[in-house]
């Protein structure tokens, strides 16, 4: 992994200039953060550059695909669907789960 970082440095791209940029944990089938995903959509582009470590099989890969929301990519090795939920929706879901646990 590192193609996105190399591209950003080579082209002098800052995260705030991008159409979209995130670097997050990727969750497996048990909702555990066991992988990573980084997505960069350069300025004036509709193509997402994606680097990931699959949370299921640990396969590391780089891919490019059309940028659209909700964003997801399938692992090239095991076909696990890695999703990148909107931050607000993810925060609500986590708060709801924490609330449910505290009531138990």
PDB file of N, CA and C in Angstrom:
ATOM      1  N   UNK A   1       0.848  -1.175   0.000  1.00  0.00           N
ATOM      2  CA  UNK A   1       0.000   0.000   0.000  1.00  0.00           C
ATOM      3  C   UNK A   1       0.893   1.236   0.000  1.00  0.00           C
ATOM      4  N   UNK A   2       0.393   2.307  -0.561  1.00  0.00           N
ATOM      5  CA  UNK A   2       1.163   3.537  -0.624  1.00  0.00           C
ATOM      6  C   UNK A   2       1.013   4.261  -1.948  1.00  0.00           C
ATOM      7  N   UNK A   3       0.288   3.666  -2.897  1.00  0.00           N
ATOM      8  CA  UNK A   3       0.117   4.305  -4.202  1.00  0.00           C
ATOM      9  C   UNK A   3      -0.610   5.636  -4.094  1.00  0.00           C
ATOM     10  N   UNK A   4      -1.616   5.714  -3.229  1.00  0.00           N
ATOM     11  CA  UNK A   4      -2.365   6.960  -3.074  1.00  0.00           C
ATOM     12  C   UNK A   4      -1.456   8.035  -2.484  1.00  0.00           C
ATOM     13  N   UNK A   5      -0.684   7.677  -1.477  1.00  0.00           N
ATOM     14  CA  UNK A   5       0.240   8.634  -0.859  1.00  0.00           C
ATOM     15  C   UNK A   5       1.259   9.127  -1.883  1.00  0.00           C
ATOM     16  N   UNK A   6       1.831   8.218  -2.649  1.00  0.00           N
ATOM     17  CA  UNK A   6       2.799   8.585  -3.681  1.00  0.00           C
ATOM     18  C   UNK A   6       2.169   9.521  -4.714  1.00  0.00           C
ATOM     19  N   UNK A   7       0.951   9.219  -5.136  1.00  0.00           N
ATOM     20  CA  UNK A   7       0.234  10.043  -6.114  1.00  0.00           C
ATOM     21  C   UNK A   7      -0.006  11.446  -5.558  1.00  0.00           C
ATOM     22  N   UNK A   8      -0.460  11.524  -4.301  1.00  0.00           N
ATOM     23  CA  UNK A   8      -0.750  12.821  -3.682  1.00  0.00           C
ATOM     24  C   UNK A   8       0.509  13.678  -3.562  1.00  0.00           C
ATOM     25  N   UNK A   9       1.614  13.076  -3.165  1.00  0.00           N
ATOM     26  CA  UNK A   9       2.874  13.809  -3.037  1.00  0.00           C
ATOM     27  C   UNK A   9       3.369  14.261  -4.405  1.00  0.00           C
ATOM     28  N   UNK A  10       3.381  13.353  -5.360  1.00  0.00           N
ATOM     29  CA  UNK A  10       3.868  13.652  -6.710  1.00  0.00           C
ATOM     30  C   UNK A  10       3.086  14.793  -7.359  1.00  0.00           C
ATOM     31  N   UNK A  11       1.775  14.828  -7.125  1.00  0.00           N
ATOM     32  CA  UNK A  11       0.922  15.831  -7.755  1.00  0.00           C
ATOM     33  C   UNK A  11       0.573  17.010  -6.845  1.00  0.00           C
ATOM     34  N   UNK A  12       1.152  17.052  -5.653  1.00  0.00           N
ATOM     35  CA  UNK A  12       0.924  18.157  -4.726  1.00  0.00           C
ATOM     36  C   UNK A  12      -0.529  18.304  -4.309  1.00  0.00           C
ATOM     37  N   UNK A  13      -1.217  17.174  -4.128  1.00  0.00           N
ATOM     38  CA  UNK A  13      -2.637  17.197  -3.780  1.00  0.00           C
ATOM     39  C   UNK A  13      -2.807  17.191  -2.267  1.00  0.00           C
ATOM     40  N   UNK A  14      -3.648  18.110  -1.789  1.00  0.00           N
ATOM     41  CA  UNK A  14      -3.989  18.153  -0.368  1.00  0.00           C
ATOM     42  C   UNK A  14      -5.385  17.575  -0.204  1.00  0.00           C
ATOM     43  N   UNK A  15      -5.643  16.939   0.924  1.00  0.00           N
ATOM     44  CA  UNK A  15      -6.932  16.284   1.170  1.00  0.00           C
ATOM     45  C   UNK A  15      -8.108  17.241   1.009  1.00  0.00           C
ATOM     46  N   UNK A  16      -7.960  18.481   1.463  1.00  0.00           N
ATOM     47  CA  UNK A  16      -9.071  19.439   1.393  1.00  0.00           C
ATOM     48  C   UNK A  16      -9.416  19.844  -0.044  1.00  0.00           C
ATOM     49  N   UNK A  17      -8.511  19.604  -0.986  1.00  0.00           N
ATOM     50  CA  UNK A  17      -8.755  19.943  -2.392  1.00  0.00           C
ATOM     51  C   UNK A  17      -9.500  18.838  -3.136  1.00  0.00           C
ATOM     52  N   UNK A  18      -9.566  17.671  -2.542  1.00  0.00           N
ATOM     53  CA  UNK A  18     -10.134  16.503  -3.212  1.00  0.00           C
ATOM     54  C   UNK A  18     -11.658  16.520  -3.221  1.00  0.00           C
ATOM     55  N   UNK A  19     -12.214  15.829  -4.194  1.00  0.00           N
ATOM     56  CA  UNK A  19     -13.658  15.610  -4.223  1.00  0.00           C
ATOM     57  C   UNK A  19     -14.038  14.790  -2.992  1.00  0.00           C
ATOM     58  N   UNK A  20     -13.208  13.796  -2.667  1.00  0.00           N
ATOM     59  CA  UNK A  20     -13.446  12.948  -1.496  1.00  0.00           C
ATOM     60  C   UNK A  20     -12.139  12.312  -1.074  1.00  0.00           C
ATOM     61  N   UNK A  21     -11.950  12.189   0.243  1.00  0.00           N
ATOM     62  CA  UNK A  21     -10.792  11.491   0.778  1.00  0.00           C
ATOM     63  C   UNK A  21     -11.143  10.930   2.145  1.00  0.00           C
ATOM     64  N   UNK A  22     -10.844   9.666   2.352  1.00  0.00           N
ATOM     65  CA  UNK A  22     -11.022   9.054   3.669  1.00  0.00           C
ATOM     66  C   UNK A  22     -10.006   7.938   3.847  1.00  0.00           C
ATOM     67  N   UNK A  23      -9.710   7.657   5.088  1.00  0.00           N
ATOM     68  CA  UNK A  23      -8.796   6.566   5.448  1.00  0.00           C
ATOM     69  C   UNK A  23      -9.349   5.994   6.742  1.00  0.00           C
ATOM     70  N   UNK A  24      -9.965   4.834   6.658  1.00  0.00           N
ATOM     71  CA  UNK A  24     -10.694   4.283   7.805  1.00  0.00           C
ATOM     72  C   UNK A  24     -10.450   2.797   8.018  1.00  0.00           C
ATOM     73  N   UNK A  25     -10.934   2.357   9.178  1.00  0.00           N
ATOM     74  CA  UNK A  25     -10.967   0.925   9.442  1.00  0.00           C
ATOM     75  C   UNK A  25     -12.068   0.317   8.583  1.00  0.00           C
ATOM     76  N   UNK A  26     -11.838  -0.890   8.134  1.00  0.00           N
ATOM     77  CA  UNK A  26     -12.861  -1.651   7.402  1.00  0.00           C
ATOM     78  C   UNK A  26     -13.279  -2.806   8.304  1.00  0.00           C
ATOM     79  N   UNK A  27     -14.587  -3.014   8.392  1.00  0.00           N
ATOM     80  CA  UNK A  27     -15.109  -4.019   9.316  1.00  0.00           C
ATOM     81  C   UNK A  27     -15.426  -5.334   8.621  1.00  0.00           C
ATOM     82  N   UNK A  28     -15.168  -6.418   9.353  1.00  0.00           N
ATOM     83  CA  UNK A  28     -15.435  -7.754   8.819  1.00  0.00           C
ATOM     84  C   UNK A  28     -16.901  -8.145   9.051  1.00  0.00           C
ATOM     85  N   UNK A  29     -17.237  -9.406   8.767  1.00  0.00           N
ATOM     86  CA  UNK A  29     -18.622  -9.884   8.911  1.00  0.00           C
ATOM     87  C   UNK A  29     -19.118  -9.813  10.352  1.00  0.00           C
ATOM     88  N   UNK A  30     -18.200  -9.829  11.312  1.00  0.00           N
ATOM     89  CA  UNK A  30     -18.567  -9.751  12.727  1.00  0.00           C
ATOM     90  C   UNK A  30     -18.560  -8.313  13.239  1.00  0.00           C
ATOM     91  N   UNK A  31     -18.448  -7.362  12.307  1.00  0.00           N
ATOM     92  CA  UNK A  31     -18.444  -5.929  12.617  1.00  0.00           C
ATOM     93  C   UNK A  31     -17.213  -5.507  13.426  1.00  0.00           C
ATOM     94  N   UNK A  32     -16.117  -6.240  13.247  1.00  0.00           N
ATOM     95  CA  UNK A  32     -14.862  -5.921  13.929  1.00  0.00           C
ATOM     96  C   UNK A  32     -13.940  -5.207  12.943  1.00  0.00           C
ATOM     97  N   UNK A  33     -13.247  -4.143  13.388  1.00  0.00           N
ATOM     98  CA  UNK A  33     -12.347  -3.406  12.498  1.00  0.00           C
ATOM     99  C   UNK A  33     -11.023  -4.140  12.295  1.00  0.00           C
ATOM    100  N   UNK A  34     -10.991  -5.042  11.321  1.00  0.00           N
ATOM    101  CA  UNK A  34      -9.795  -5.850  11.094  1.00  0.00           C
ATOM    102  C   UNK A  34      -9.087  -5.517   9.779  1.00  0.00           C
ATOM    103  N   UNK A  35      -9.582  -4.528   9.046  1.00  0.00           N
ATOM    104  CA  UNK A  35      -8.970  -4.131   7.784  1.00  0.00           C
ATOM    105  C   UNK A  35      -8.874  -2.626   7.690  1.00  0.00           C
ATOM    106  N   UNK A  36      -8.384  -2.128   6.561  1.00  0.00           N
ATOM    107  CA  UNK A  36      -8.251  -0.691   6.319  1.00  0.00           C
ATOM    108  C   UNK A  36      -8.710  -0.393   4.902  1.00  0.00           C
ATOM    109  N   UNK A  37      -9.220   0.833   4.700  1.00  0.00           N
ATOM    110  CA  UNK A  37      -9.551   1.285   3.361  1.00  0.00           C
ATOM    111  C   UNK A  37      -9.225   2.768   3.254  1.00  0.00           C
ATOM    112  N   UNK A  38      -8.603   3.122   2.149  1.00  0.00           N
ATOM    113  CA  UNK A  38      -8.310   4.526   1.851  1.00  0.00           C
ATOM    114  C   UNK A  38      -8.871   4.816   0.472  1.00  0.00           C
ATOM    115  N   UNK A  39      -9.638   5.898   0.382  1.00  0.00           N
ATOM    116  CA  UNK A  39     -10.261   6.290  -0.877  1.00  0.00           C
ATOM    117  C   UNK A  39      -9.890   7.741  -1.152  1.00  0.00           C
ATOM    118  N   UNK A  40      -9.431   8.011  -2.370  1.00  0.00           N
ATOM    119  CA  UNK A  40      -9.105   9.366  -2.792  1.00  0.00           C
ATOM    120  C   UNK A  40      -9.723   9.617  -4.157  1.00  0.00           C
ATOM    121  N   UNK A  41     -10.490  10.693  -4.262  1.00  0.00           N
ATOM    122  CA  UNK A  41     -11.020  11.135  -5.546  1.00  0.00           C
ATOM    123  C   UNK A  41     -10.359  12.484  -5.797  1.00  0.00           C
ATOM    124  N   UNK A  42      -9.383  12.527  -6.708  1.00  0.00           N
ATOM    125  CA  UNK A  42      -8.651  13.773  -6.954  1.00  0.00           C
ATOM    126  C   UNK A  42      -9.568  14.906  -7.436  1.00  0.00           C
ATOM    127  N   UNK A  43      -9.088  16.149  -7.319  1.00  0.00           N
ATOM    128  CA  UNK A  43      -9.875  17.282  -7.793  1.00  0.00           C
ATOM    129  C   UNK A  43     -10.288  17.110  -9.260  1.00  0.00           C
ATOM    130  N   UNK A  44     -11.504  17.486  -9.560  1.00  0.00           N
ATOM    131  CA  UNK A  44     -12.055  17.448 -10.921  1.00  0.00           C
ATOM    132  C   UNK A  44     -12.058  16.047 -11.533  1.00  0.00           C
ATOM    133  N   UNK A  45     -12.187  15.028 -10.701  1.00  0.00           N
ATOM    134  CA  UNK A  45     -12.190  13.647 -11.177  1.00  0.00           C
ATOM    135  C   UNK A  45     -13.462  12.938 -10.722  1.00  0.00           C
ATOM    136  N   UNK A  46     -13.827  11.886 -11.438  1.00  0.00           N
ATOM    137  CA  UNK A  46     -14.951  11.040 -11.026  1.00  0.00           C
ATOM    138  C   UNK A  46     -14.474   9.612 -10.778  1.00  0.00           C
ATOM    139  N   UNK A  47     -13.159   9.449 -10.721  1.00  0.00           N
ATOM    140  CA  UNK A  47     -12.570   8.141 -10.488  1.00  0.00           C
ATOM    141  C   UNK A  47     -11.985   8.063  -9.080  1.00  0.00           C
ATOM    142  N   UNK A  48     -12.393   7.047  -8.340  1.00  0.00           N
ATOM    143  CA  UNK A  48     -11.884   6.826  -6.985  1.00  0.00           C
ATOM    144  C   UNK A  48     -10.657   5.925  -7.041  1.00  0.00           C
ATOM    145  N   UNK A  49      -9.620   6.364  -6.363  1.00  0.00           N
ATOM    146  CA  UNK A  49      -8.422   5.546  -6.180  1.00  0.00           C
ATOM    147  C   UNK A  49      -8.597   4.875  -4.822  1.00  0.00           C
ATOM    148  N   UNK A  50      -8.461   3.550  -4.777  1.00  0.00           N
ATOM    149  CA  UNK A  50      -8.768   2.803  -3.557  1.00  0.00           C
ATOM    150  C   UNK A  50      -7.625   1.864  -3.185  1.00  0.00           C
ATOM    151  N   UNK A  51      -7.207   1.950  -1.939  1.00  0.00           N
ATOM    152  CA  UNK A  51      -6.257   0.987  -1.377  1.00  0.00           C
ATOM    153  C   UNK A  51      -6.954   0.353  -0.184  1.00  0.00           C
ATOM    154  N   UNK A  52      -6.836  -0.942  -0.062  1.00  0.00           N
ATOM    155  CA  UNK A  52      -7.500  -1.602   1.061  1.00  0.00           C
ATOM    156  C   UNK A  52      -6.752  -2.837   1.520  1.00  0.00           C
ATOM    157  N   UNK A  53      -7.003  -3.178   2.775  1.00  0.00           N
ATOM    158  CA  UNK A  53      -6.645  -4.465   3.340  1.00  0.00           C
ATOM    159  C   UNK A  53      -7.981  -5.090   3.692  1.00  0.00           C
ATOM    160  N   UNK A  54      -8.317  -6.199   3.053  1.00  0.00           N
ATOM    161  CA  UNK A  54      -9.609  -6.835   3.256  1.00  0.00           C
ATOM    162  C   UNK A  54      -9.756  -7.269   4.714  1.00  0.00           C
ATOM    163  N   UNK A  55     -10.861  -6.905   5.348  1.00  0.00           N
ATOM    164  CA  UNK A  55     -11.058  -7.304   6.741  1.00  0.00           C
ATOM    165  C   UNK A  55     -11.356  -8.791   6.925  1.00  0.00           C
ATOM    166  N   UNK A  56     -11.659  -9.479   5.849  1.00  0.00           N
ATOM    167  CA  UNK A  56     -11.946 -10.916   5.934  1.00  0.00           C
ATOM    168  C   UNK A  56     -10.711 -11.767   5.652  1.00  0.00           C
ATOM    169  N   UNK A  57     -10.034 -11.503   4.535  1.00  0.00           N
ATOM    170  CA  UNK A  57      -8.916 -12.388   4.138  1.00  0.00           C
ATOM    171  C   UNK A  57      -7.534 -11.725   4.231  1.00  0.00           C
ATOM    172  N   UNK A  58      -7.502 -10.441   4.602  1.00  0.00           N
ATOM    173  CA  UNK A  58      -6.248  -9.665   4.769  1.00  0.00           C
ATOM    174  C   UNK A  58      -5.520  -9.382   3.453  1.00  0.00           C
ATOM    175  N   UNK A  59      -6.165  -9.623   2.322  1.00  0.00           N
ATOM    176  CA  UNK A  59      -5.577  -9.320   1.016  1.00  0.00           C
ATOM    177  C   UNK A  59      -5.411  -7.807   0.877  1.00  0.00           C
ATOM    178  N   UNK A  60      -4.242  -7.361   0.418  1.00  0.00           N
ATOM    179  CA  UNK A  60      -3.997  -5.940   0.178  1.00  0.00           C
ATOM    180  C   UNK A  60      -4.049  -5.681  -1.309  1.00  0.00           C
ATOM    181  N   UNK A  61      -4.744  -4.603  -1.700  1.00  0.00           N
ATOM    182  CA  UNK A  61      -4.869  -4.311  -3.122  1.00  0.00           C
ATOM    183  C   UNK A  61      -5.089  -2.830  -3.366  1.00  0.00           C
ATOM    184  N   UNK A  62      -4.867  -2.461  -4.629  1.00  0.00           N
ATOM    185  CA  UNK A  62      -5.130  -1.108  -5.123  1.00  0.00           C
ATOM    186  C   UNK A  62      -6.069  -1.256  -6.309  1.00  0.00           C
ATOM    187  N   UNK A  63      -7.040  -0.362  -6.415  1.00  0.00           N
ATOM    188  CA  UNK A  63      -7.970  -0.399  -7.539  1.00  0.00           C
ATOM    189  C   UNK A  63      -8.451   1.013  -7.848  1.00  0.00           C
ATOM    190  N   UNK A  64      -8.975   1.181  -9.046  1.00  0.00           N
ATOM    191  CA  UNK A  64      -9.620   2.430  -9.432  1.00  0.00           C
ATOM    192  C   UNK A  64     -10.999   2.078  -9.964  1.00  0.00           C
ATOM    193  N   UNK A  65     -11.978   2.861  -9.553  1.00  0.00           N
ATOM    194  CA  UNK A  65     -13.341   2.631 -10.041  1.00  0.00           C
ATOM    195  C   UNK A  65     -14.114   3.939  -9.983  1.00  0.00           C
ATOM    196  N   UNK A  66     -15.270   3.955 -10.630  1.00  0.00           N
ATOM    197  CA  UNK A  66     -16.101   5.147 -10.656  1.00  0.00           C
ATOM    198  C   UNK A  66     -16.519   5.530  -9.239  1.00  0.00           C
ATOM    199  N   UNK A  67     -16.467   6.834  -8.950  1.00  0.00           N
ATOM    200  CA  UNK A  67     -16.861   7.340  -7.644  1.00  0.00           C
ATOM    201  C   UNK A  67     -18.368   7.537  -7.601  1.00  0.00           C
ATOM    202  N   UNK A  68     -19.010   6.915  -6.638  1.00  0.00           N
ATOM    203  CA  UNK A  68     -20.431   7.134  -6.395  1.00  0.00           C
ATOM    204  C   UNK A  68     -20.736   6.740  -4.952  1.00  0.00           C
ATOM    205  N   UNK A  69     -21.797   7.360  -4.401  1.00  0.00           N
ATOM    206  CA  UNK A  69     -22.222   7.058  -3.040  1.00  0.00           C
ATOM    207  C   UNK A  69     -23.475   6.219  -3.075  1.00  0.00           C
ATOM    208  N   UNK A  70     -23.672   5.269  -2.200  1.00  0.00           N
ATOM    209  CA  UNK A  70     -22.708   4.803  -1.211  1.00  0.00           C
ATOM    210  C   UNK A  70     -21.575   4.037  -1.893  1.00  0.00           C
ATOM    211  N   UNK A  71     -20.372   4.211  -1.368  1.00  0.00           N
ATOM    212  CA  UNK A  71     -19.196   3.623  -2.000  1.00  0.00           C
ATOM    213  C   UNK A  71     -18.893   2.254  -1.419  1.00  0.00           C
ATOM    214  N   UNK A  72     -18.566   1.319  -2.299  1.00  0.00           N
ATOM    215  CA  UNK A  72     -18.118   0.000  -1.858  1.00  0.00           C
ATOM    216  C   UNK A  72     -17.229  -0.603  -2.933  1.00  0.00           C
ATOM    217  N   UNK A  73     -16.458  -1.569  -2.517  1.00  0.00           N
ATOM    218  CA  UNK A  73     -15.567  -2.279  -3.434  1.00  0.00           C
ATOM    219  C   UNK A  73     -15.498  -3.731  -2.980  1.00  0.00           C
ATOM    220  N   UNK A  74     -15.377  -4.639  -3.934  1.00  0.00           N
ATOM    221  CA  UNK A  74     -15.257  -6.056  -3.587  1.00  0.00           C
ATOM    222  C   UNK A  74     -13.785  -6.445  -3.557  1.00  0.00           C
ATOM    223  N   UNK A  75     -13.425  -7.243  -2.572  1.00  0.00           N
ATOM    224  CA  UNK A  75     -12.064  -7.749  -2.466  1.00  0.00           C
ATOM    225  C   UNK A  75     -11.754  -8.580  -3.704  1.00  0.00           C
ATOM    226  N   UNK A  76     -10.603  -8.334  -4.283  1.00  0.00           N
ATOM    227  CA  UNK A  76     -10.199  -9.049  -5.495  1.00  0.00           C
ATOM    228  C   UNK A  76      -9.920 -10.527  -5.224  1.00  0.00           C
ATOM    229  N   UNK A  77      -9.667 -10.881  -3.970  1.00  0.00           N
ATOM    230  CA  UNK A  77      -9.353 -12.269  -3.635  1.00  0.00           C
ATOM    231  C   UNK A  77     -10.572 -13.071  -3.171  1.00  0.00           C
ATOM    232  N   UNK A  78     -11.345 -12.517  -2.219  1.00  0.00           N
ATOM    233  CA  UNK A  78     -12.439 -13.301  -1.628  1.00  0.00           C
ATOM    234  C   UNK A  78     -13.841 -12.773  -1.956  1.00  0.00           C
ATOM    235  N   UNK A  79     -13.927 -11.679  -2.682  1.00  0.00           N
ATOM    236  CA  UNK A  79     -15.208 -11.061  -3.081  1.00  0.00           C
ATOM    237  C   UNK A  79     -15.994 -10.448  -1.922  1.00  0.00           C
ATOM    238  N   UNK A  80     -15.372 -10.256  -0.756  1.00  0.00           N
ATOM    239  CA  UNK A  80     -16.060  -9.604   0.362  1.00  0.00           C
ATOM    240  C   UNK A  80     -16.323  -8.151  -0.012  1.00  0.00           C
ATOM    241  N   UNK A  81     -17.527  -7.680   0.227  1.00  0.00           N
ATOM    242  CA  UNK A  81     -17.918  -6.309  -0.108  1.00  0.00           C
ATOM    243  C   UNK A  81     -17.509  -5.372   1.030  1.00  0.00           C
ATOM    244  N   UNK A  82     -16.545  -4.506   0.759  1.00  0.00           N
ATOM    245  CA  UNK A  82     -16.060  -3.534   1.730  1.00  0.00           C
ATOM    246  C   UNK A  82     -16.806  -2.231   1.468  1.00  0.00           C
ATOM    247  N   UNK A  83     -17.525  -1.750   2.456  1.00  0.00           N
ATOM    248  CA  UNK A  83     -18.312  -0.537   2.283  1.00  0.00           C
ATOM    249  C   UNK A  83     -17.683   0.635   3.024  1.00  0.00           C
ATOM    250  N   UNK A  84     -17.964   1.827   2.520  1.00  0.00           N
ATOM    251  CA  UNK A  84     -17.533   3.064   3.170  1.00  0.00           C
ATOM    252  C   UNK A  84     -18.806   3.864   3.448  1.00  0.00           C
ATOM    253  N   UNK A  85     -19.406   3.653   4.631  1.00  0.00           N
ATOM    254  CA  UNK A  85     -20.646   4.371   4.939  1.00  0.00           C
ATOM    255  C   UNK A  85     -20.382   5.851   5.183  1.00  0.00           C
ATOM    256  N   UNK A  86     -21.413   6.650   5.031  1.00  0.00           N
ATOM    257  CA  UNK A  86     -21.288   8.068   5.356  1.00  0.00           C
ATOM    258  C   UNK A  86     -20.993   8.177   6.842  1.00  0.00           C
ATOM    259  N   UNK A  87     -20.109   9.094   7.218  1.00  0.00           N
ATOM    260  CA  UNK A  87     -19.672   9.233   8.615  1.00  0.00           C
ATOM    261  C   UNK A  87     -20.851   9.470   9.562  1.00  0.00           C
ATOM    262  N   UNK A  88     -21.789  10.306   9.162  1.00  0.00           N
ATOM    263  CA  UNK A  88     -22.934  10.630  10.015  1.00  0.00           C
ATOM    264  C   UNK A  88     -23.783   9.385  10.274  1.00  0.00           C
ATOM    265  N   UNK A  89     -24.044   8.620   9.222  1.00  0.00           N
ATOM    266  CA  UNK A  89     -24.843   7.399   9.360  1.00  0.00           C
ATOM    267  C   UNK A  89     -24.119   6.376  10.232  1.00  0.00           C
ATOM    268  N   UNK A  90     -22.816   6.268  10.042  1.00  0.00           N
ATOM    269  CA  UNK A  90     -22.027   5.321  10.832  1.00  0.00           C
ATOM    270  C   UNK A  90     -22.033   5.717  12.312  1.00  0.00           C
ATOM    271  N   UNK A  91     -21.895   7.007  12.597  1.00  0.00           N
ATOM    272  CA  UNK A  91     -21.902   7.488  13.982  1.00  0.00           C
ATOM    273  C   UNK A  91     -23.252   7.206  14.645  1.00  0.00           C
ATOM    274  N   UNK A  92     -24.341   7.420  13.914  1.00  0.00           N
ATOM    275  CA  UNK A  92     -25.679   7.141  14.454  1.00  0.00           C
ATOM    276  C   UNK A  92     -25.833   5.658  14.768  1.00  0.00           C
ATOM    277  N   UNK A  93     -25.380   4.800  13.847  1.00  0.00           N
ATOM    278  CA  UNK A  93     -25.489   3.355  14.027  1.00  0.00           C
ATOM    279  C   UNK A  93     -24.685   2.903  15.254  1.00  0.00           C
ATOM    280  N   UNK A  94     -23.468   3.449  15.420  1.00  0.00           N
ATOM    281  CA  UNK A  94     -22.629   3.072  16.556  1.00  0.00           C
ATOM    282  C   UNK A  94     -23.228   3.564  17.876  1.00  0.00           C
ATOM    283  N   UNK A  95     -23.802   4.771  17.875  1.00  0.00           N
ATOM    284  CA  UNK A  95     -24.426   5.307  19.081  1.00  0.00           C
ATOM    285  C   UNK A  95     -25.639   4.462  19.468  1.00  0.00           C
ATOM    286  N   UNK A  96     -26.406   4.044  18.488  1.00  0.00           N
ATOM    287  CA  UNK A  96     -27.583   3.214  18.741  1.00  0.00           C
ATOM    288  C   UNK A  96     -27.169   1.859  19.332  1.00  0.00           C
ATOM    289  N   UNK A  97     -26.103   1.272  18.793  1.00  0.00           N
ATOM    290  CA  UNK A  97     -25.608  -0.009  19.292  1.00  0.00           C
ATOM    291  C   UNK A  97     -25.087   0.137  20.727  1.00  0.00           C
ATOM    292  N   UNK A  98     -24.390   1.230  21.003  1.00  0.00           N
ATOM    293  CA  UNK A  98     -23.865   1.475  22.356  1.00  0.00           C
ATOM    294  C   UNK A  98     -25.016   1.665  23.343  1.00  0.00           C
ATOM    295  N   UNK A  99     -26.049   2.358  22.896  1.00  0.00           N
ATOM    296  CA  UNK A  99     -27.243   2.576  23.719  1.00  0.00           C
ATOM    297  C   UNK A  99     -27.921   1.250  24.061  1.00  0.00           C
ATOM    298  N   UNK A 100     -28.036   0.393  23.065  1.00  0.00           N
ATOM    299  CA  UNK A 100     -28.683  -0.911  23.263  1.00  0.00           C
ATOM    300  C   UNK A 100     -27.883  -1.756  24.268  1.00  0.00           C
ATOM    301  N   UNK A 101     -26.546  -1.689  24.199  1.00  0.00           N
ATOM    302  CA  UNK A 101     -25.701  -2.464  25.117  1.00  0.00           C
ATOM    303  C   UNK A 101     -25.836  -1.957  26.539  1.00  0.00           C
ATOM    304  N   UNK A 102     -25.942  -0.638  26.691  1.00  0.00           N
ATOM    305  CA  UNK A 102     -26.022  -0.068  28.041  1.00  0.00           C
ATOM    306  C   UNK A 102     -27.352  -0.395  28.724  1.00  0.00           C
ATOM    307  N   UNK A 103     -28.382  -0.705  27.935  1.00  0.00           N
ATOM    308  CA  UNK A 103     -29.682  -1.065  28.506  1.00  0.00           C
ATOM    309  C   UNK A 103     -29.745  -2.531  28.945  1.00  0.00           C
ATOM    310  N   UNK A 104     -28.791  -3.324  28.442  1.00  0.00           N
ATOM    311  CA  UNK A 104     -28.777  -4.769  28.799  1.00  0.00           C
ATOM    312  C   UNK A 104     -28.311  -5.021  30.185  1.00  0.00           C
TER     313      UNK A 104
END
